[in-house]
């Protein structure tokens, strides 16, 4: 089996290093995953896999819909449940001062 081309620069000389593919041309690294694992996973803004119970931080101020409250950047949140089948809001959590809410994974970073 030949290694795939780099998704960043389309380089042909990728190689496997432990559980990652590495491109020597642009130094891009990405995880080796089966196609089924890629579909059923939720990833944060940096591409880290999120699972139930992980801690994440918010990477930008988020307005709470229907309220004047704002979840500030850097707020640390424990993921209660991750739902990969949800369209927009994959993370169910409780935010101190706000209560239960759903977050979009692309606005979080794993701690």
Protein backbone atom coordinates (compact mmCIF):
# COMPACT_ATOMS: atom_id res chain seq x y z
CA UNK A 1 0.00 0.00 0.00
CA UNK A 2 1.39 3.39 -0.90
CA UNK A 3 1.11 6.38 1.40
CA UNK A 4 -1.34 9.14 0.44
CA UNK A 5 -0.23 12.52 -0.87
CA UNK A 6 0.08 15.36 1.61
CA UNK A 7 -3.23 17.22 2.07
CA UNK A 8 -1.39 20.53 2.54
CA UNK A 9 1.13 20.64 -0.32
CA UNK A 10 0.26 17.51 -2.36
CA UNK A 11 3.78 16.19 -1.79
CA UNK A 12 4.45 12.64 -2.94
CA UNK A 13 7.14 11.66 -0.43
CA UNK A 14 5.02 11.08 2.68
CA UNK A 15 6.04 8.40 5.16
CA UNK A 16 4.63 6.75 8.29
CA UNK A 17 5.97 7.67 11.74
CA UNK A 18 4.18 5.69 14.50
CA UNK A 19 0.47 6.59 14.16
CA UNK A 20 0.96 9.55 11.81
CA UNK A 21 1.75 10.32 8.20
CA UNK A 22 4.52 12.91 7.78
CA UNK A 23 5.32 15.08 4.77
CA UNK A 24 9.05 15.93 4.61
CA UNK A 25 8.43 18.75 2.14
CA UNK A 26 6.14 20.94 4.31
CA UNK A 27 6.46 19.14 7.71
CA UNK A 28 2.69 18.56 7.89
CA UNK A 29 1.59 15.61 10.08
CA UNK A 30 -1.82 13.91 10.20
CA UNK A 31 -3.22 10.83 11.91
CA UNK A 32 -3.63 7.49 10.19
CA UNK A 33 -7.31 6.68 10.55
CA UNK A 34 -9.62 4.23 8.91
CA UNK A 35 -12.40 5.82 6.84
CA UNK A 36 -15.02 4.68 9.38
CA UNK A 37 -13.13 6.32 12.27
CA UNK A 38 -12.91 9.62 10.37
CA UNK A 39 -16.67 9.74 9.85
CA UNK A 40 -17.62 8.96 13.47
CA UNK A 41 -15.21 11.34 15.20
CA UNK A 42 -15.42 14.86 16.59
CA UNK A 43 -12.30 16.99 16.41
CA UNK A 44 -11.39 20.33 17.96
CA UNK A 45 -9.94 23.32 16.10
CA UNK A 46 -6.46 21.76 16.09
CA UNK A 47 -7.64 18.37 14.84
CA UNK A 48 -7.39 16.56 18.17
CA UNK A 49 -9.92 13.79 18.73
CA UNK A 50 -12.49 14.65 21.42
CA UNK A 51 -14.12 12.01 23.63
CA UNK A 52 -16.59 12.14 26.52
CA UNK A 53 -15.04 13.66 29.65
CA UNK A 54 -12.28 15.66 27.91
CA UNK A 55 -11.54 19.21 29.00
CA UNK A 56 -11.57 21.92 26.34
CA UNK A 57 -11.07 25.68 26.29
CA UNK A 58 -13.02 28.14 24.20
CA UNK A 59 -10.86 29.83 21.53
CA UNK A 60 -13.11 32.85 20.91
CA UNK A 61 -15.83 34.76 22.75
CA UNK A 62 -19.16 33.01 22.16
CA UNK A 63 -22.49 34.78 22.52
CA UNK A 64 -25.17 32.69 24.21
CA UNK A 65 -28.24 32.56 22.01
CA UNK A 66 -31.28 34.23 23.60
CA UNK A 67 -29.23 35.91 26.33
CA UNK A 68 -26.83 38.78 26.83
CA UNK A 69 -24.28 36.41 28.40
CA UNK A 70 -20.94 35.71 26.71
CA UNK A 71 -18.67 32.70 27.21
CA UNK A 72 -15.22 34.30 27.32
CA UNK A 73 -12.15 33.11 25.48
CA UNK A 74 -10.06 30.70 27.57
CA UNK A 75 -13.02 29.34 29.56
CA UNK A 76 -12.24 25.75 30.58
CA UNK A 77 -15.14 23.34 30.05
CA UNK A 78 -15.57 19.61 30.67
CA UNK A 79 -17.26 17.80 27.79
CA UNK A 80 -20.20 15.86 29.15
CA UNK A 81 -21.16 14.04 25.99
CA UNK A 82 -19.80 14.12 22.45
CA UNK A 83 -22.37 13.57 19.68
CA UNK A 84 -20.70 12.98 16.29
CA UNK A 85 -24.11 12.71 14.58
CA UNK A 86 -25.11 16.30 15.48
CA UNK A 87 -24.99 18.75 12.58
CA UNK A 88 -23.61 21.86 14.30
CA UNK A 89 -23.30 21.50 18.06
CA UNK A 90 -21.43 18.31 18.88
CA UNK A 91 -20.47 18.96 22.53
CA UNK A 92 -22.98 18.82 25.41
CA UNK A 93 -21.52 20.53 28.49
CA UNK A 94 -22.18 22.72 31.51
CA UNK A 95 -20.52 26.14 31.61
CA UNK A 96 -20.16 27.80 34.99
CA UNK A 97 -22.25 30.96 35.16
CA UNK A 98 -24.23 29.99 32.06
CA UNK A 99 -25.55 26.46 32.62
CA UNK A 100 -26.09 23.57 30.24
CA UNK A 101 -25.36 24.30 26.60
CA UNK A 102 -24.16 22.80 23.35
CA UNK A 103 -20.92 23.89 21.69
CA UNK A 104 -19.49 23.55 18.24
CA UNK A 105 -16.18 21.67 18.32
CA UNK A 106 -14.45 24.07 15.90
CA UNK A 107 -14.55 26.82 18.57
CA UNK A 108 -12.75 24.68 21.18
CA UNK A 109 -9.24 23.41 21.85
CA UNK A 110 -8.42 20.29 23.87
CA UNK A 111 -6.56 20.94 27.14
